[in-house]
Amino acid sequence: SQYGLEWGRKYSTSVDREKRVIAV
């Protein structure tokens, strides 16, 4: 959120509970 705003980019996130990771 913070760096996306600062750098003019958009990031989305999702959570994979089985793999125990957050994907960006």
mmCIF file of all heavy atoms, coordinates in Angstrom:
data_MODEL
# 
_entry.id   MODEL 
# 
loop_
_atom_site.group_PDB 
_atom_site.id 
_atom_site.type_symbol 
_atom_site.label_atom_id 
_atom_site.label_alt_id 
_atom_site.label_comp_id 
_atom_site.label_asym_id 
_atom_site.label_entity_id 
_atom_site.label_seq_id 
_atom_site.pdbx_PDB_ins_code 
_atom_site.Cartn_x 
_atom_site.Cartn_y 
_atom_site.Cartn_z 
_atom_site.occupancy 
_atom_site.B_iso_or_equiv 
_atom_site.pdbx_formal_charge 
_atom_site.auth_seq_id 
_atom_site.auth_comp_id 
_atom_site.auth_asym_id 
_atom_site.auth_atom_id 
_atom_site.pdbx_PDB_model_num 
ATOM 1   N N   . SER A 1 1  ? 0.823  -1.201  0.000   1.00 0.00 ? 1  SER A N   1 
ATOM 2   C CA  . SER A 1 1  ? 0.000  0.000   0.000   1.00 0.00 ? 1  SER A CA  1 
ATOM 3   C C   . SER A 1 1  ? 0.860  1.255   0.000   1.00 0.00 ? 1  SER A C   1 
ATOM 4   O O   . SER A 1 1  ? 0.689  2.163   -0.830  1.00 0.00 ? 1  SER A O   1 
ATOM 5   C CB  . SER A 1 1  ? -0.926 -0.011  1.218   1.00 0.00 ? 1  SER A CB  1 
ATOM 6   O OG  . SER A 1 1  ? -1.673 1.166   1.272   1.00 0.00 ? 1  SER A OG  1 
ATOM 7   N N   . GLN A 1 2  ? 1.787  1.323   0.912   1.00 0.00 ? 2  GLN A N   1 
ATOM 8   C CA  . GLN A 1 2  ? 2.620  2.511   1.069   1.00 0.00 ? 2  GLN A CA  1 
ATOM 9   C C   . GLN A 1 2  ? 3.519  2.749   -0.139  1.00 0.00 ? 2  GLN A C   1 
ATOM 10  O O   . GLN A 1 2  ? 3.530  3.842   -0.703  1.00 0.00 ? 2  GLN A O   1 
ATOM 11  C CB  . GLN A 1 2  ? 3.484  2.378   2.322   1.00 0.00 ? 2  GLN A CB  1 
ATOM 12  C CG  . GLN A 1 2  ? 4.396  3.567   2.549   1.00 0.00 ? 2  GLN A CG  1 
ATOM 13  C CD  . GLN A 1 2  ? 5.246  3.396   3.792   1.00 0.00 ? 2  GLN A CD  1 
ATOM 14  O OE1 . GLN A 1 2  ? 5.046  2.489   4.583   1.00 0.00 ? 2  GLN A OE1 1 
ATOM 15  N NE2 . GLN A 1 2  ? 6.206  4.279   3.969   1.00 0.00 ? 2  GLN A NE2 1 
ATOM 16  N N   . TYR A 1 3  ? 4.275  1.741   -0.546  1.00 0.00 ? 3  TYR A N   1 
ATOM 17  C CA  . TYR A 1 3  ? 5.216  1.933   -1.640  1.00 0.00 ? 3  TYR A CA  1 
ATOM 18  C C   . TYR A 1 3  ? 4.511  2.013   -2.982  1.00 0.00 ? 3  TYR A C   1 
ATOM 19  O O   . TYR A 1 3  ? 4.972  2.695   -3.886  1.00 0.00 ? 3  TYR A O   1 
ATOM 20  C CB  . TYR A 1 3  ? 6.281  0.840   -1.635  1.00 0.00 ? 3  TYR A CB  1 
ATOM 21  C CG  . TYR A 1 3  ? 7.116  0.867   -0.377  1.00 0.00 ? 3  TYR A CG  1 
ATOM 22  C CD1 . TYR A 1 3  ? 7.354  -0.277  0.360   1.00 0.00 ? 3  TYR A CD1 1 
ATOM 23  C CD2 . TYR A 1 3  ? 7.661  2.063   0.090   1.00 0.00 ? 3  TYR A CD2 1 
ATOM 24  C CE1 . TYR A 1 3  ? 8.109  -0.249  1.510   1.00 0.00 ? 3  TYR A CE1 1 
ATOM 25  C CE2 . TYR A 1 3  ? 8.412  2.106   1.254   1.00 0.00 ? 3  TYR A CE2 1 
ATOM 26  C CZ  . TYR A 1 3  ? 8.636  0.944   1.956   1.00 0.00 ? 3  TYR A CZ  1 
ATOM 27  O OH  . TYR A 1 3  ? 9.390  0.989   3.099   1.00 0.00 ? 3  TYR A OH  1 
ATOM 28  N N   . GLY A 1 4  ? 3.393  1.339   -3.124  1.00 0.00 ? 4  GLY A N   1 
ATOM 29  C CA  . GLY A 1 4  ? 2.620  1.458   -4.352  1.00 0.00 ? 4  GLY A CA  1 
ATOM 30  C C   . GLY A 1 4  ? 2.188  2.897   -4.585  1.00 0.00 ? 4  GLY A C   1 
ATOM 31  O O   . GLY A 1 4  ? 2.294  3.427   -5.696  1.00 0.00 ? 4  GLY A O   1 
ATOM 32  N N   . LEU A 1 5  ? 1.736  3.546   -3.545  1.00 0.00 ? 5  LEU A N   1 
ATOM 33  C CA  . LEU A 1 5  ? 1.343  4.953   -3.632  1.00 0.00 ? 5  LEU A CA  1 
ATOM 34  C C   . LEU A 1 5  ? 2.561  5.825   -3.926  1.00 0.00 ? 5  LEU A C   1 
ATOM 35  O O   . LEU A 1 5  ? 2.534  6.678   -4.814  1.00 0.00 ? 5  LEU A O   1 
ATOM 36  C CB  . LEU A 1 5  ? 0.674  5.386   -2.325  1.00 0.00 ? 5  LEU A CB  1 
ATOM 37  C CG  . LEU A 1 5  ? 0.237  6.836   -2.244  1.00 0.00 ? 5  LEU A CG  1 
ATOM 38  C CD1 . LEU A 1 5  ? -0.792 7.155   -3.321  1.00 0.00 ? 5  LEU A CD1 1 
ATOM 39  C CD2 . LEU A 1 5  ? -0.317 7.126   -0.865  1.00 0.00 ? 5  LEU A CD2 1 
ATOM 40  N N   . GLU A 1 6  ? 3.635  5.587   -3.206  1.00 0.00 ? 6  GLU A N   1 
ATOM 41  C CA  . GLU A 1 6  ? 4.850  6.391   -3.359  1.00 0.00 ? 6  GLU A CA  1 
ATOM 42  C C   . GLU A 1 6  ? 5.467  6.248   -4.755  1.00 0.00 ? 6  GLU A C   1 
ATOM 43  O O   . GLU A 1 6  ? 5.920  7.229   -5.341  1.00 0.00 ? 6  GLU A O   1 
ATOM 44  C CB  . GLU A 1 6  ? 5.866  5.951   -2.295  1.00 0.00 ? 6  GLU A CB  1 
ATOM 45  C CG  . GLU A 1 6  ? 7.143  6.743   -2.264  1.00 0.00 ? 6  GLU A CG  1 
ATOM 46  C CD  . GLU A 1 6  ? 8.086  6.256   -1.175  1.00 0.00 ? 6  GLU A CD  1 
ATOM 47  O OE1 . GLU A 1 6  ? 7.598  5.840   -0.096  1.00 0.00 ? 6  GLU A OE1 1 
ATOM 48  O OE2 . GLU A 1 6  ? 9.298  6.284   -1.406  1.00 0.00 ? 6  GLU A OE2 1 
ATOM 49  N N   . TRP A 1 7  ? 5.461  5.020   -5.296  1.00 0.00 ? 7  TRP A N   1 
ATOM 50  C CA  . TRP A 1 7  ? 6.122  4.756   -6.578  1.00 0.00 ? 7  TRP A CA  1 
ATOM 51  C C   . TRP A 1 7  ? 5.170  4.806   -7.762  1.00 0.00 ? 7  TRP A C   1 
ATOM 52  O O   . TRP A 1 7  ? 5.583  4.581   -8.894  1.00 0.00 ? 7  TRP A O   1 
ATOM 53  C CB  . TRP A 1 7  ? 6.798  3.386   -6.550  1.00 0.00 ? 7  TRP A CB  1 
ATOM 54  C CG  . TRP A 1 7  ? 7.846  3.227   -5.493  1.00 0.00 ? 7  TRP A CG  1 
ATOM 55  C CD1 . TRP A 1 7  ? 8.646  4.189   -4.962  1.00 0.00 ? 7  TRP A CD1 1 
ATOM 56  C CD2 . TRP A 1 7  ? 8.220  2.011   -4.838  1.00 0.00 ? 7  TRP A CD2 1 
ATOM 57  N NE1 . TRP A 1 7  ? 9.486  3.659   -4.014  1.00 0.00 ? 7  TRP A NE1 1 
ATOM 58  C CE2 . TRP A 1 7  ? 9.247  2.312   -3.922  1.00 0.00 ? 7  TRP A CE2 1 
ATOM 59  C CE3 . TRP A 1 7  ? 7.783  0.692   -4.931  1.00 0.00 ? 7  TRP A CE3 1 
ATOM 60  C CZ2 . TRP A 1 7  ? 9.845  1.357   -3.127  1.00 0.00 ? 7  TRP A CZ2 1 
ATOM 61  C CZ3 . TRP A 1 7  ? 8.380  -0.268  -4.137  1.00 0.00 ? 7  TRP A CZ3 1 
ATOM 62  C CH2 . TRP A 1 7  ? 9.398  0.063   -3.239  1.00 0.00 ? 7  TRP A CH2 1 
ATOM 63  N N   . GLY A 1 8  ? 3.882  5.045   -7.544  1.00 0.00 ? 8  GLY A N   1 
ATOM 64  C CA  . GLY A 1 8  ? 2.908  5.080   -8.632  1.00 0.00 ? 8  GLY A CA  1 
ATOM 65  C C   . GLY A 1 8  ? 2.647  3.712   -9.236  1.00 0.00 ? 8  GLY A C   1 
ATOM 66  O O   . GLY A 1 8  ? 2.447  3.575   -10.437 1.00 0.00 ? 8  GLY A O   1 
ATOM 67  N N   . ARG A 1 9  ? 2.623  2.691   -8.394  1.00 0.00 ? 9  ARG A N   1 
ATOM 68  C CA  . ARG A 1 9  ? 2.391  1.315   -8.830  1.00 0.00 ? 9  ARG A CA  1 
ATOM 69  C C   . ARG A 1 9  ? 1.174  0.757   -8.098  1.00 0.00 ? 9  ARG A C   1 
ATOM 70  O O   . ARG A 1 9  ? 0.736  1.308   -7.099  1.00 0.00 ? 9  ARG A O   1 
ATOM 71  C CB  . ARG A 1 9  ? 3.591  0.423   -8.500  1.00 0.00 ? 9  ARG A CB  1 
ATOM 72  C CG  . ARG A 1 9  ? 4.860  0.846   -9.180  1.00 0.00 ? 9  ARG A CG  1 
ATOM 73  C CD  . ARG A 1 9  ? 5.989  -0.050  -8.771  1.00 0.00 ? 9  ARG A CD  1 
ATOM 74  N NE  . ARG A 1 9  ? 7.225  0.316   -9.456  1.00 0.00 ? 9  ARG A NE  1 
ATOM 75  C CZ  . ARG A 1 9  ? 8.357  -0.351  -9.312  1.00 0.00 ? 9  ARG A CZ  1 
ATOM 76  N NH1 . ARG A 1 9  ? 8.428  -1.404  -8.515  1.00 0.00 ? 9  ARG A NH1 1 
ATOM 77  N NH2 . ARG A 1 9  ? 9.426  0.039   -9.970  1.00 0.00 ? 9  ARG A NH2 1 
ATOM 78  N N   . LYS A 1 10 ? 0.671  -0.369  -8.607  1.00 0.00 ? 10 LYS A N   1 
ATOM 79  C CA  . LYS A 1 10 ? -0.418 -1.049  -7.919  1.00 0.00 ? 10 LYS A CA  1 
ATOM 80  C C   . LYS A 1 10 ? -0.011 -2.499  -7.687  1.00 0.00 ? 10 LYS A C   1 
ATOM 81  O O   . LYS A 1 10 ? 0.429  -3.181  -8.611  1.00 0.00 ? 10 LYS A O   1 
ATOM 82  C CB  . LYS A 1 10 ? -1.707 -1.007  -8.722  1.00 0.00 ? 10 LYS A CB  1 
ATOM 83  C CG  . LYS A 1 10 ? -2.850 -1.680  -7.987  1.00 0.00 ? 10 LYS A CG  1 
ATOM 84  C CD  . LYS A 1 10 ? -4.147 -1.591  -8.724  1.00 0.00 ? 10 LYS A CD  1 
ATOM 85  C CE  . LYS A 1 10 ? -5.220 -2.307  -7.899  1.00 0.00 ? 10 LYS A CE  1 
ATOM 86  N NZ  . LYS A 1 10 ? -6.474 -2.386  -8.603  1.00 0.00 ? 10 LYS A NZ  1 
ATOM 87  N N   . TYR A 1 11 ? -0.178 -2.936  -6.451  1.00 0.00 ? 11 TYR A N   1 
ATOM 88  C CA  . TYR A 1 11 ? 0.103  -4.319  -6.066  1.00 0.00 ? 11 TYR A CA  1 
ATOM 89  C C   . TYR A 1 11 ? -1.187 -4.932  -5.532  1.00 0.00 ? 11 TYR A C   1 
ATOM 90  O O   . TYR A 1 11 ? -1.966 -4.257  -4.863  1.00 0.00 ? 11 TYR A O   1 
ATOM 91  C CB  . TYR A 1 11 ? 1.160  -4.370  -4.955  1.00 0.00 ? 11 TYR A CB  1 
ATOM 92  C CG  . TYR A 1 11 ? 2.509  -3.818  -5.350  1.00 0.00 ? 11 TYR A CG  1 
ATOM 93  C CD1 . TYR A 1 11 ? 2.845  -2.496  -5.084  1.00 0.00 ? 11 TYR A CD1 1 
ATOM 94  C CD2 . TYR A 1 11 ? 3.448  -4.613  -5.984  1.00 0.00 ? 11 TYR A CD2 1 
ATOM 95  C CE1 . TYR A 1 11 ? 4.085  -1.982  -5.437  1.00 0.00 ? 11 TYR A CE1 1 
ATOM 96  C CE2 . TYR A 1 11 ? 4.693  -4.111  -6.336  1.00 0.00 ? 11 TYR A CE2 1 
ATOM 97  C CZ  . TYR A 1 11 ? 5.001  -2.797  -6.055  1.00 0.00 ? 11 TYR A CZ  1 
ATOM 98  O OH  . TYR A 1 11 ? 6.231  -2.302  -6.406  1.00 0.00 ? 11 TYR A OH  1 
ATOM 99  N N   . SER A 1 12 ? -1.395 -6.207  -5.822  1.00 0.00 ? 12 SER A N   1 
ATOM 100 C CA  . SER A 1 12 ? -2.507 -6.929  -5.205  1.00 0.00 ? 12 SER A CA  1 
ATOM 101 C C   . SER A 1 12 ? -1.925 -8.103  -4.426  1.00 0.00 ? 12 SER A C   1 
ATOM 102 O O   . SER A 1 12 ? -0.852 -8.607  -4.761  1.00 0.00 ? 12 SER A O   1 
ATOM 103 C CB  . SER A 1 12 ? -3.509 -7.407  -6.257  1.00 0.00 ? 12 SER A CB  1 
ATOM 104 O OG  . SER A 1 12 ? -2.899 -8.307  -7.144  1.00 0.00 ? 12 SER A OG  1 
ATOM 105 N N   . THR A 1 13 ? -2.636 -8.502  -3.388  1.00 0.00 ? 13 THR A N   1 
ATOM 106 C CA  . THR A 1 13 ? -2.163 -9.600  -2.541  1.00 0.00 ? 13 THR A CA  1 
ATOM 107 C C   . THR A 1 13 ? -3.231 -10.667 -2.410  1.00 0.00 ? 13 THR A C   1 
ATOM 108 O O   . THR A 1 13 ? -4.424 -10.385 -2.505  1.00 0.00 ? 13 THR A O   1 
ATOM 109 C CB  . THR A 1 13 ? -1.787 -9.094  -1.130  1.00 0.00 ? 13 THR A CB  1 
ATOM 110 O OG1 . THR A 1 13 ? -2.941 -8.549  -0.506  1.00 0.00 ? 13 THR A OG1 1 
ATOM 111 C CG2 . THR A 1 13 ? -0.686 -8.050  -1.185  1.00 0.00 ? 13 THR A CG2 1 
ATOM 112 N N   . SER A 1 14 ? -2.785 -11.887 -2.209  1.00 0.00 ? 14 SER A N   1 
ATOM 113 C CA  . SER A 1 14 ? -3.693 -12.988 -1.909  1.00 0.00 ? 14 SER A CA  1 
ATOM 114 C C   . SER A 1 14 ? -2.968 -13.964 -0.986  1.00 0.00 ? 14 SER A C   1 
ATOM 115 O O   . SER A 1 14 ? -1.746 -14.062 -1.009  1.00 0.00 ? 14 SER A O   1 
ATOM 116 C CB  . SER A 1 14 ? -4.151 -13.703 -3.188  1.00 0.00 ? 14 SER A CB  1 
ATOM 117 O OG  . SER A 1 14 ? -3.052 -14.262 -3.847  1.00 0.00 ? 14 SER A OG  1 
ATOM 118 N N   . VAL A 1 15 ? -3.741 -14.659 -0.179  1.00 0.00 ? 15 VAL A N   1 
ATOM 119 C CA  . VAL A 1 15 ? -3.179 -15.591 0.800   1.00 0.00 ? 15 VAL A CA  1 
ATOM 120 C C   . VAL A 1 15 ? -3.476 -17.020 0.374   1.00 0.00 ? 15 VAL A C   1 
ATOM 121 O O   . VAL A 1 15 ? -4.606 -17.349 0.003   1.00 0.00 ? 15 VAL A O   1 
ATOM 122 C CB  . VAL A 1 15 ? -3.765 -15.327 2.205   1.00 0.00 ? 15 VAL A CB  1 
ATOM 123 C CG1 . VAL A 1 15 ? -3.307 -16.376 3.194   1.00 0.00 ? 15 VAL A CG1 1 
ATOM 124 C CG2 . VAL A 1 15 ? -3.397 -13.933 2.672   1.00 0.00 ? 15 VAL A CG2 1 
ATOM 125 N N   . ASP A 1 16 ? -2.456 -17.857 0.408   1.00 0.00 ? 16 ASP A N   1 
ATOM 126 C CA  . ASP A 1 16 ? -2.615 -19.288 0.171   1.00 0.00 ? 16 ASP A CA  1 
ATOM 127 C C   . ASP A 1 16 ? -2.426 -19.974 1.520   1.00 0.00 ? 16 ASP A C   1 
ATOM 128 O O   . ASP A 1 16 ? -1.304 -20.109 2.015   1.00 0.00 ? 16 ASP A O   1 
ATOM 129 C CB  . ASP A 1 16 ? -1.587 -19.796 -0.844  1.00 0.00 ? 16 ASP A CB  1 
ATOM 130 C CG  . ASP A 1 16 ? -1.794 -21.258 -1.219  1.00 0.00 ? 16 ASP A CG  1 
ATOM 131 O OD1 . ASP A 1 16 ? -2.254 -22.044 -0.349  1.00 0.00 ? 16 ASP A OD1 1 
ATOM 132 O OD2 . ASP A 1 16 ? -1.481 -21.612 -2.359  1.00 0.00 ? 16 ASP A OD2 1 
ATOM 133 N N   . ARG A 1 17 ? -3.533 -20.357 2.135   1.00 0.00 ? 17 ARG A N   1 
ATOM 134 C CA  . ARG A 1 17 ? -3.479 -20.939 3.480   1.00 0.00 ? 17 ARG A CA  1 
ATOM 135 C C   . ARG A 1 17 ? -2.770 -22.289 3.511   1.00 0.00 ? 17 ARG A C   1 
ATOM 136 O O   . ARG A 1 17 ? -2.094 -22.608 4.487   1.00 0.00 ? 17 ARG A O   1 
ATOM 137 C CB  . ARG A 1 17 ? -4.891 -21.080 4.049   1.00 0.00 ? 17 ARG A CB  1 
ATOM 138 C CG  . ARG A 1 17 ? -5.518 -19.748 4.365   1.00 0.00 ? 17 ARG A CG  1 
ATOM 139 C CD  . ARG A 1 17 ? -6.966 -19.921 4.813   1.00 0.00 ? 17 ARG A CD  1 
ATOM 140 N NE  . ARG A 1 17 ? -7.584 -18.643 5.074   1.00 0.00 ? 17 ARG A NE  1 
ATOM 141 C CZ  . ARG A 1 17 ? -7.667 -18.104 6.277   1.00 0.00 ? 17 ARG A CZ  1 
ATOM 142 N NH1 . ARG A 1 17 ? -7.188 -18.732 7.330   1.00 0.00 ? 17 ARG A NH1 1 
ATOM 143 N NH2 . ARG A 1 17 ? -8.248 -16.926 6.427   1.00 0.00 ? 17 ARG A NH2 1 
ATOM 144 N N   . GLU A 1 18 ? -2.909 -23.058 2.453   1.00 0.00 ? 18 GLU A N   1 
ATOM 145 C CA  . GLU A 1 18 ? -2.262 -24.374 2.418   1.00 0.00 ? 18 GLU A CA  1 
ATOM 146 C C   . GLU A 1 18 ? -0.744 -24.250 2.354   1.00 0.00 ? 18 GLU A C   1 
ATOM 147 O O   . GLU A 1 18 ? -0.029 -24.970 3.037   1.00 0.00 ? 18 GLU A O   1 
ATOM 148 C CB  . GLU A 1 18 ? -2.775 -25.196 1.246   1.00 0.00 ? 18 GLU A CB  1 
ATOM 149 C CG  . GLU A 1 18 ? -4.196 -25.668 1.419   1.00 0.00 ? 18 GLU A CG  1 
ATOM 150 C CD  . GLU A 1 18 ? -4.685 -26.505 0.259   1.00 0.00 ? 18 GLU A CD  1 
ATOM 151 O OE1 . GLU A 1 18 ? -3.852 -26.975 -0.548  1.00 0.00 ? 18 GLU A OE1 1 
ATOM 152 O OE2 . GLU A 1 18 ? -5.911 -26.691 0.154   1.00 0.00 ? 18 GLU A OE2 1 
ATOM 153 N N   . LYS A 1 19 ? -0.259 -23.342 1.518   1.00 0.00 ? 19 LYS A N   1 
ATOM 154 C CA  . LYS A 1 19 ? 1.182  -23.144 1.375   1.00 0.00 ? 19 LYS A CA  1 
ATOM 155 C C   . LYS A 1 19 ? 1.754  -22.215 2.444   1.00 0.00 ? 19 LYS A C   1 
ATOM 156 O O   . LYS A 1 19 ? 2.966  -22.106 2.589   1.00 0.00 ? 19 LYS A O   1 
ATOM 157 C CB  . LYS A 1 19 ? 1.514  -22.575 -0.008  1.00 0.00 ? 19 LYS A CB  1 
ATOM 158 C CG  . LYS A 1 19 ? 1.328  -23.571 -1.129  1.00 0.00 ? 19 LYS A CG  1 
ATOM 159 C CD  . LYS A 1 19 ? 1.489  -22.981 -2.515  1.00 0.00 ? 19 LYS A CD  1 
ATOM 160 C CE  . LYS A 1 19 ? 2.727  -22.191 -2.752  1.00 0.00 ? 19 LYS A CE  1 
ATOM 161 N NZ  . LYS A 1 19 ? 2.843  -21.665 -4.129  1.00 0.00 ? 19 LYS A NZ  1 
ATOM 162 N N   . ARG A 1 20 ? 0.843  -21.525 3.172   1.00 0.00 ? 20 ARG A N   1 
ATOM 163 C CA  . ARG A 1 20 ? 1.227  -20.583 4.225   1.00 0.00 ? 20 ARG A CA  1 
ATOM 164 C C   . ARG A 1 20 ? 2.095  -19.453 3.678   1.00 0.00 ? 20 ARG A C   1 
ATOM 165 O O   . ARG A 1 20 ? 3.152  -19.128 4.218   1.00 0.00 ? 20 ARG A O   1 
ATOM 166 C CB  . ARG A 1 20 ? 1.938  -21.286 5.384   1.00 0.00 ? 20 ARG A CB  1 
ATOM 167 C CG  . ARG A 1 20 ? 1.235  -22.482 5.938   1.00 0.00 ? 20 ARG A CG  1 
ATOM 168 C CD  . ARG A 1 20 ? 0.316  -22.288 7.091   1.00 0.00 ? 20 ARG A CD  1 
ATOM 169 N NE  . ARG A 1 20 ? 0.826  -21.435 8.148   1.00 0.00 ? 20 ARG A NE  1 
ATOM 170 C CZ  . ARG A 1 20 ? 0.046  -20.595 8.816   1.00 0.00 ? 20 ARG A CZ  1 
ATOM 171 N NH1 . ARG A 1 20 ? -1.223 -20.510 8.549   1.00 0.00 ? 20 ARG A NH1 1 
ATOM 172 N NH2 . ARG A 1 20 ? 0.538  -19.844 9.770   1.00 0.00 ? 20 ARG A NH2 1 
ATOM 173 N N   . VAL A 1 21 ? 1.610  -18.843 2.569   1.00 0.00 ? 21 VAL A N   1 
ATOM 174 C CA  . VAL A 1 21 ? 2.314  -17.718 1.958   1.00 0.00 ? 21 VAL A CA  1 
ATOM 175 C C   . VAL A 1 21 ? 1.331  -16.616 1.575   1.00 0.00 ? 21 VAL A C   1 
ATOM 176 O O   . VAL A 1 21 ? 0.137  -16.865 1.423   1.00 0.00 ? 21 VAL A O   1 
ATOM 177 C CB  . VAL A 1 21 ? 3.107  -18.136 0.689   1.00 0.00 ? 21 VAL A CB  1 
ATOM 178 C CG1 . VAL A 1 21 ? 4.202  -19.135 1.021   1.00 0.00 ? 21 VAL A CG1 1 
ATOM 179 C CG2 . VAL A 1 21 ? 2.193  -18.669 -0.392  1.00 0.00 ? 21 VAL A CG2 1 
ATOM 180 N N   . ILE A 1 22 ? 1.864  -15.424 1.412   1.00 0.00 ? 22 ILE A N   1 
ATOM 181 C CA  . ILE A 1 22 ? 1.118  -14.309 0.837   1.00 0.00 ? 22 ILE A CA  1 
ATOM 182 C C   . ILE A 1 22 ? 1.756  -14.031 -0.523  1.00 0.00 ? 22 ILE A C   1 
ATOM 183 O O   . ILE A 1 22 ? 2.980  -13.874 -0.617  1.00 0.00 ? 22 ILE A O   1 
ATOM 184 C CB  . ILE A 1 22 ? 1.120  -13.056 1.736   1.00 0.00 ? 22 ILE A CB  1 
ATOM 185 C CG1 . ILE A 1 22 ? 0.389  -11.903 1.042   1.00 0.00 ? 22 ILE A CG1 1 
ATOM 186 C CG2 . ILE A 1 22 ? 2.508  -12.660 2.174   1.00 0.00 ? 22 ILE A CG2 1 
ATOM 187 C CD1 . ILE A 1 22 ? 0.164  -10.678 1.891   1.00 0.00 ? 22 ILE A CD1 1 
ATOM 188 N N   . ALA A 1 23 ? 0.945  -14.037 -1.560  1.00 0.00 ? 23 ALA A N   1 
ATOM 189 C CA  . ALA A 1 23 ? 1.426  -13.798 -2.919  1.00 0.00 ? 23 ALA A CA  1 
ATOM 190 C C   . ALA A 1 23 ? 1.130  -12.350 -3.287  1.00 0.00 ? 23 ALA A C   1 
ATOM 191 O O   . ALA A 1 23 ? 0.030  -11.861 -3.100  1.00 0.00 ? 23 ALA A O   1 
ATOM 192 C CB  . ALA A 1 23 ? 0.748  -14.732 -3.909  1.00 0.00 ? 23 ALA A CB  1 
ATOM 193 N N   . VAL A 1 24 ? 2.144  -11.674 -3.825  1.00 0.00 ? 24 VAL A N   1 
ATOM 194 C CA  . VAL A 1 24 ? 2.005  -10.287 -4.258  1.00 0.00 ? 24 VAL A CA  1 
ATOM 195 C C   . VAL A 1 24 ? 2.158  -10.244 -5.778  1.00 0.00 ? 24 VAL A C   1 
ATOM 196 O O   . VAL A 1 24 ? 3.109  -10.814 -6.310  1.00 0.00 ? 24 VAL A O   1 
ATOM 197 C CB  . VAL A 1 24 ? 3.077  -9.389  -3.603  1.00 0.00 ? 24 VAL A CB  1 
ATOM 198 C CG1 . VAL A 1 24 ? 2.986  -7.962  -4.117  1.00 0.00 ? 24 VAL A CG1 1 
ATOM 199 C CG2 . VAL A 1 24 ? 2.965  -9.427  -2.090  1.00 0.00 ? 24 VAL A CG2 1 
# 
